[in-house]
Amino acid sequence: MDAATRKWKRIKVDVRVRIRRVDEPESTTSVVRTYELSRSGMSVYASEALEVGAVVWIEFALPDSGEFGIKAVVKNRRGFRLGMEFVNLPESQAVAIERYITAVEGVVEI
């Protein structure tokens, strides 16, 4: 799917994310970095062997938006990059993510 047909805008962003399978204890949590973020999901770089369809729990923070704890499902894997779709994301968190995306999408780092 290309950017013109996507339902939600996505941006490249580098955020620290804690990730683990929902059926595993918290002690198995790994720390990964994001590649992209949208209202409906994110992609991360992860060396863990998470297969497509795996249900995971992710935790991350965004500036001025606080902490997020979200269930997600792995939708695709390309090398070390996992594409994940959020599951049952509360509207308040979706709005906060969208607000963050709008605030940073025009910012260019030098």
N, C-alpha and C. Protein backbone atom coordinates (compact mmCIF):
# COMPACT_ATOMS: atom_id res chain seq x y z
N MET A 1 0.85 -1.17 0.00
CA MET A 1 0.00 0.00 0.00
C MET A 1 0.90 1.23 0.00
N ASP A 2 0.62 2.19 -0.88
CA ASP A 2 1.46 3.38 -0.92
C ASP A 2 0.84 4.50 -0.11
N ALA A 3 1.61 5.58 0.05
CA ALA A 3 1.19 6.70 0.91
C ALA A 3 -0.12 7.33 0.45
N ALA A 4 -0.39 7.32 -0.86
CA ALA A 4 -1.61 7.94 -1.38
C ALA A 4 -2.87 7.16 -0.98
N THR A 5 -2.75 5.87 -0.70
CA THR A 5 -3.93 5.07 -0.37
C THR A 5 -4.04 4.73 1.12
N ARG A 6 -3.13 5.22 1.93
CA ARG A 6 -3.17 4.94 3.37
C ARG A 6 -4.28 5.75 4.03
N LYS A 7 -4.91 5.15 5.03
CA LYS A 7 -5.98 5.82 5.75
C LYS A 7 -5.43 6.90 6.67
N TRP A 8 -4.27 6.64 7.31
CA TRP A 8 -3.70 7.56 8.28
C TRP A 8 -2.30 7.97 7.86
N LYS A 9 -1.97 9.23 8.08
CA LYS A 9 -0.64 9.76 7.79
C LYS A 9 0.36 9.08 8.72
N ARG A 10 1.55 8.79 8.20
CA ARG A 10 2.61 8.22 9.02
C ARG A 10 3.84 9.08 8.86
N ILE A 11 4.65 9.09 9.91
CA ILE A 11 5.89 9.86 9.88
C ILE A 11 7.04 8.99 10.37
N LYS A 12 8.24 9.35 9.93
CA LYS A 12 9.43 8.70 10.45
C LYS A 12 9.72 9.36 11.80
N VAL A 13 9.94 8.54 12.80
CA VAL A 13 10.18 9.04 14.14
C VAL A 13 11.05 8.04 14.89
N ASP A 14 11.89 8.54 15.77
CA ASP A 14 12.78 7.67 16.55
C ASP A 14 12.37 7.77 18.02
N VAL A 15 11.66 6.77 18.49
CA VAL A 15 11.16 6.72 19.85
C VAL A 15 11.53 5.37 20.45
N ARG A 16 11.90 5.38 21.71
CA ARG A 16 12.22 4.14 22.44
C ARG A 16 10.92 3.42 22.78
N VAL A 17 10.86 2.12 22.48
CA VAL A 17 9.65 1.32 22.70
C VAL A 17 10.02 0.04 23.45
N ARG A 18 9.23 -0.28 24.46
CA ARG A 18 9.37 -1.58 25.15
C ARG A 18 8.33 -2.50 24.53
N ILE A 19 8.75 -3.73 24.18
CA ILE A 19 7.87 -4.66 23.48
C ILE A 19 8.03 -6.07 24.05
N ARG A 20 6.90 -6.78 24.16
CA ARG A 20 6.92 -8.18 24.56
C ARG A 20 5.64 -8.84 24.04
N ARG A 21 5.70 -10.13 23.88
CA ARG A 21 4.49 -10.89 23.53
C ARG A 21 3.51 -10.79 24.69
N VAL A 22 2.22 -10.70 24.41
CA VAL A 22 1.24 -10.56 25.49
C VAL A 22 1.18 -11.80 26.37
N ASP A 23 1.56 -12.94 25.85
CA ASP A 23 1.49 -14.17 26.64
C ASP A 23 2.79 -14.48 27.39
N GLU A 24 3.74 -13.53 27.41
CA GLU A 24 5.00 -13.73 28.11
C GLU A 24 5.11 -12.77 29.28
N PRO A 25 5.90 -13.11 30.29
CA PRO A 25 6.04 -12.23 31.46
C PRO A 25 6.78 -10.94 31.11
N GLU A 26 6.57 -9.94 31.96
CA GLU A 26 7.22 -8.64 31.74
C GLU A 26 8.73 -8.74 31.70
N SER A 27 9.29 -9.75 32.33
CA SER A 27 10.75 -9.91 32.34
C SER A 27 11.31 -10.18 30.95
N THR A 28 10.45 -10.52 29.98
CA THR A 28 10.91 -10.79 28.62
C THR A 28 10.85 -9.55 27.72
N THR A 29 10.53 -8.41 28.29
CA THR A 29 10.41 -7.17 27.52
C THR A 29 11.75 -6.80 26.89
N SER A 30 11.70 -6.38 25.63
CA SER A 30 12.88 -5.89 24.92
C SER A 30 12.69 -4.41 24.62
N VAL A 31 13.79 -3.72 24.46
CA VAL A 31 13.74 -2.31 24.08
C VAL A 31 14.15 -2.21 22.62
N VAL A 32 13.30 -1.54 21.83
CA VAL A 32 13.53 -1.37 20.39
C VAL A 32 13.33 0.10 20.05
N ARG A 33 13.58 0.45 18.79
CA ARG A 33 13.39 1.83 18.32
C ARG A 33 12.38 1.84 17.19
N THR A 34 11.60 2.91 17.14
CA THR A 34 10.61 3.03 16.08
C THR A 34 11.28 3.44 14.77
N TYR A 35 10.57 3.19 13.70
CA TYR A 35 10.95 3.68 12.38
C TYR A 35 9.86 4.64 11.89
N GLU A 36 8.61 4.22 12.01
CA GLU A 36 7.48 5.06 11.60
C GLU A 36 6.36 4.95 12.62
N LEU A 37 5.51 5.98 12.64
CA LEU A 37 4.37 6.02 13.55
C LEU A 37 3.17 6.60 12.82
N SER A 38 2.00 6.01 13.05
CA SER A 38 0.74 6.56 12.55
C SER A 38 -0.31 6.38 13.63
N ARG A 39 -1.48 6.90 13.37
CA ARG A 39 -2.58 6.78 14.34
C ARG A 39 -2.96 5.31 14.56
N SER A 40 -2.74 4.48 13.56
CA SER A 40 -3.20 3.09 13.66
C SER A 40 -2.10 2.06 13.91
N GLY A 41 -0.83 2.50 13.95
CA GLY A 41 0.23 1.54 14.18
C GLY A 41 1.61 2.15 14.10
N MET A 42 2.60 1.29 14.14
CA MET A 42 3.98 1.75 14.06
C MET A 42 4.84 0.64 13.47
N SER A 43 6.02 1.04 13.03
CA SER A 43 7.01 0.04 12.66
C SER A 43 8.22 0.27 13.55
N VAL A 44 8.88 -0.82 13.90
CA VAL A 44 10.04 -0.76 14.78
C VAL A 44 11.14 -1.64 14.22
N TYR A 45 12.37 -1.35 14.65
CA TYR A 45 13.49 -2.23 14.37
C TYR A 45 13.64 -3.17 15.55
N ALA A 46 13.55 -4.47 15.31
CA ALA A 46 13.63 -5.45 16.39
C ALA A 46 14.35 -6.69 15.89
N SER A 47 15.29 -7.16 16.68
CA SER A 47 15.99 -8.39 16.31
C SER A 47 15.26 -9.64 16.79
N GLU A 48 14.22 -9.45 17.63
CA GLU A 48 13.46 -10.59 18.13
C GLU A 48 12.75 -11.29 16.97
N ALA A 49 12.57 -12.58 17.11
CA ALA A 49 11.90 -13.37 16.08
C ALA A 49 10.39 -13.35 16.33
N LEU A 50 9.77 -12.24 16.04
CA LEU A 50 8.31 -12.13 16.17
C LEU A 50 7.70 -12.37 14.80
N GLU A 51 6.87 -13.38 14.71
CA GLU A 51 6.28 -13.74 13.43
C GLU A 51 5.04 -12.88 13.16
N VAL A 52 4.67 -12.81 11.88
CA VAL A 52 3.45 -12.13 11.49
C VAL A 52 2.28 -12.79 12.21
N GLY A 53 1.42 -11.99 12.81
CA GLY A 53 0.28 -12.49 13.56
C GLY A 53 0.51 -12.50 15.07
N ALA A 54 1.76 -12.34 15.51
CA ALA A 54 2.06 -12.31 16.94
C ALA A 54 1.37 -11.11 17.58
N VAL A 55 0.80 -11.32 18.76
CA VAL A 55 0.17 -10.24 19.51
C VAL A 55 1.16 -9.78 20.57
N VAL A 56 1.43 -8.48 20.59
CA VAL A 56 2.44 -7.93 21.48
C VAL A 56 1.87 -6.79 22.31
N TRP A 57 2.56 -6.48 23.39
CA TRP A 57 2.26 -5.33 24.23
C TRP A 57 3.41 -4.35 24.05
N ILE A 58 3.09 -3.11 23.68
CA ILE A 58 4.13 -2.11 23.49
C ILE A 58 3.89 -0.93 24.42
N GLU A 59 4.98 -0.37 24.90
CA GLU A 59 4.93 0.79 25.77
C GLU A 59 5.91 1.82 25.24
N PHE A 60 5.46 3.08 25.15
CA PHE A 60 6.33 4.16 24.70
C PHE A 60 5.77 5.48 25.21
N ALA A 61 6.56 6.52 25.09
CA ALA A 61 6.14 7.86 25.51
C ALA A 61 6.38 8.82 24.36
N LEU A 62 5.49 9.80 24.26
CA LEU A 62 5.65 10.88 23.29
C LEU A 62 5.68 12.20 24.06
N PRO A 63 6.50 13.16 23.61
CA PRO A 63 6.54 14.45 24.29
C PRO A 63 5.15 15.08 24.37
N ASP A 64 4.81 15.63 25.51
CA ASP A 64 3.53 16.30 25.76
C ASP A 64 2.32 15.39 25.64
N SER A 65 2.52 14.08 25.55
CA SER A 65 1.39 13.15 25.42
C SER A 65 1.40 12.07 26.49
N GLY A 66 2.49 11.93 27.19
CA GLY A 66 2.56 10.94 28.25
C GLY A 66 2.89 9.55 27.76
N GLU A 67 2.61 8.58 28.63
CA GLU A 67 2.93 7.17 28.38
C GLU A 67 1.78 6.47 27.66
N PHE A 68 2.16 5.55 26.78
CA PHE A 68 1.20 4.72 26.07
C PHE A 68 1.49 3.26 26.37
N GLY A 69 0.46 2.49 26.62
CA GLY A 69 0.55 1.04 26.74
C GLY A 69 -0.51 0.48 25.80
N ILE A 70 -0.08 -0.19 24.74
CA ILE A 70 -1.00 -0.57 23.66
C ILE A 70 -0.75 -2.01 23.22
N LYS A 71 -1.83 -2.72 23.00
CA LYS A 71 -1.73 -4.06 22.38
C LYS A 71 -1.65 -3.84 20.87
N ALA A 72 -0.84 -4.66 20.21
CA ALA A 72 -0.68 -4.56 18.76
C ALA A 72 -0.48 -5.95 18.18
N VAL A 73 -0.71 -6.05 16.89
CA VAL A 73 -0.48 -7.31 16.18
C VAL A 73 0.55 -7.05 15.08
N VAL A 74 1.50 -7.96 14.95
CA VAL A 74 2.52 -7.84 13.90
C VAL A 74 1.86 -8.15 12.56
N LYS A 75 1.88 -7.18 11.67
CA LYS A 75 1.24 -7.33 10.36
C LYS A 75 2.22 -7.71 9.26
N ASN A 76 3.49 -7.29 9.41
CA ASN A 76 4.49 -7.65 8.41
C ASN A 76 5.88 -7.56 9.02
N ARG A 77 6.80 -8.22 8.35
CA ARG A 77 8.20 -8.20 8.79
C ARG A 77 9.07 -8.13 7.54
N ARG A 78 9.98 -7.16 7.56
CA ARG A 78 10.94 -7.00 6.47
C ARG A 78 12.32 -6.90 7.11
N GLY A 79 13.03 -8.00 7.13
CA GLY A 79 14.33 -8.02 7.81
C GLY A 79 14.12 -7.80 9.30
N PHE A 80 14.75 -6.75 9.82
CA PHE A 80 14.63 -6.44 11.25
C PHE A 80 13.48 -5.46 11.52
N ARG A 81 12.75 -5.06 10.52
CA ARG A 81 11.67 -4.09 10.71
C ARG A 81 10.32 -4.78 10.80
N LEU A 82 9.60 -4.52 11.89
CA LEU A 82 8.25 -5.07 12.10
C LEU A 82 7.21 -3.98 11.91
N GLY A 83 6.18 -4.27 11.14
CA GLY A 83 5.03 -3.38 11.02
C GLY A 83 3.93 -3.90 11.93
N MET A 84 3.45 -3.03 12.82
CA MET A 84 2.44 -3.45 13.80
C MET A 84 1.21 -2.55 13.74
N GLU A 85 0.05 -3.16 13.90
CA GLU A 85 -1.21 -2.43 13.94
C GLU A 85 -1.74 -2.44 15.37
N PHE A 86 -2.11 -1.25 15.87
CA PHE A 86 -2.66 -1.15 17.21
C PHE A 86 -4.00 -1.86 17.28
N VAL A 87 -4.29 -2.47 18.44
CA VAL A 87 -5.54 -3.19 18.66
C VAL A 87 -6.32 -2.48 19.76
N ASN A 88 -7.57 -2.14 19.48
CA ASN A 88 -8.46 -1.49 20.46
C ASN A 88 -7.83 -0.25 21.09
N LEU A 89 -7.22 0.59 20.28
CA LEU A 89 -6.60 1.81 20.76
C LEU A 89 -7.67 2.78 21.24
N PRO A 90 -7.62 3.22 22.52
CA PRO A 90 -8.59 4.19 23.00
C PRO A 90 -8.53 5.48 22.17
N GLU A 91 -9.66 6.07 21.92
CA GLU A 91 -9.72 7.29 21.10
C GLU A 91 -8.83 8.39 21.66
N SER A 92 -8.74 8.50 22.97
CA SER A 92 -7.90 9.55 23.56
C SER A 92 -6.42 9.35 23.18
N GLN A 93 -5.97 8.10 23.13
CA GLN A 93 -4.59 7.84 22.74
C GLN A 93 -4.41 8.06 21.24
N ALA A 94 -5.40 7.68 20.44
CA ALA A 94 -5.33 7.90 18.99
C ALA A 94 -5.22 9.40 18.69
N VAL A 95 -6.01 10.19 19.38
CA VAL A 95 -5.98 11.65 19.18
C VAL A 95 -4.62 12.21 19.61
N ALA A 96 -4.07 11.73 20.72
CA ALA A 96 -2.77 12.19 21.19
C ALA A 96 -1.67 11.85 20.17
N ILE A 97 -1.71 10.66 19.61
CA ILE A 97 -0.73 10.27 18.59
C ILE A 97 -0.89 11.15 17.35
N GLU A 98 -2.11 11.37 16.93
CA GLU A 98 -2.36 12.21 15.75
C GLU A 98 -1.88 13.64 15.99
N ARG A 99 -2.10 14.16 17.19
CA ARG A 99 -1.65 15.51 17.54
C ARG A 99 -0.13 15.59 17.47
N TYR A 100 0.56 14.56 17.98
CA TYR A 100 2.01 14.51 17.93
C TYR A 100 2.50 14.49 16.48
N ILE A 101 1.90 13.65 15.66
CA ILE A 101 2.29 13.55 14.24
C ILE A 101 2.14 14.90 13.55
N THR A 102 1.02 15.56 13.78
CA THR A 102 0.79 16.88 13.17
C THR A 102 1.83 17.89 13.63
N ALA A 103 2.20 17.83 14.90
CA ALA A 103 3.16 18.79 15.45
C ALA A 103 4.56 18.60 14.90
N VAL A 104 4.97 17.38 14.60
CA VAL A 104 6.35 17.14 14.19
C VAL A 104 6.53 16.87 12.70
N GLU A 105 5.47 16.71 11.94
CA GLU A 105 5.66 16.29 10.55
C GLU A 105 6.41 17.30 9.70
N GLY A 106 6.36 18.57 10.04
CA GLY A 106 7.08 19.57 9.25
C GLY A 106 8.44 19.92 9.79
N VAL A 107 8.83 19.31 10.90
CA VAL A 107 10.11 19.62 11.52
C VAL A 107 11.23 18.85 10.82
N VAL A 108 12.27 19.55 10.46
CA VAL A 108 13.41 18.92 9.79
C VAL A 108 14.62 19.10 10.69
N GLU A 109 15.28 17.98 11.03
CA GLU A 109 16.49 18.06 11.84
C GLU A 109 17.69 18.32 10.96
N ILE A 110 18.58 19.17 11.46
CA ILE A 110 19.81 19.50 10.72
C ILE A 110 21.00 18.97 11.45
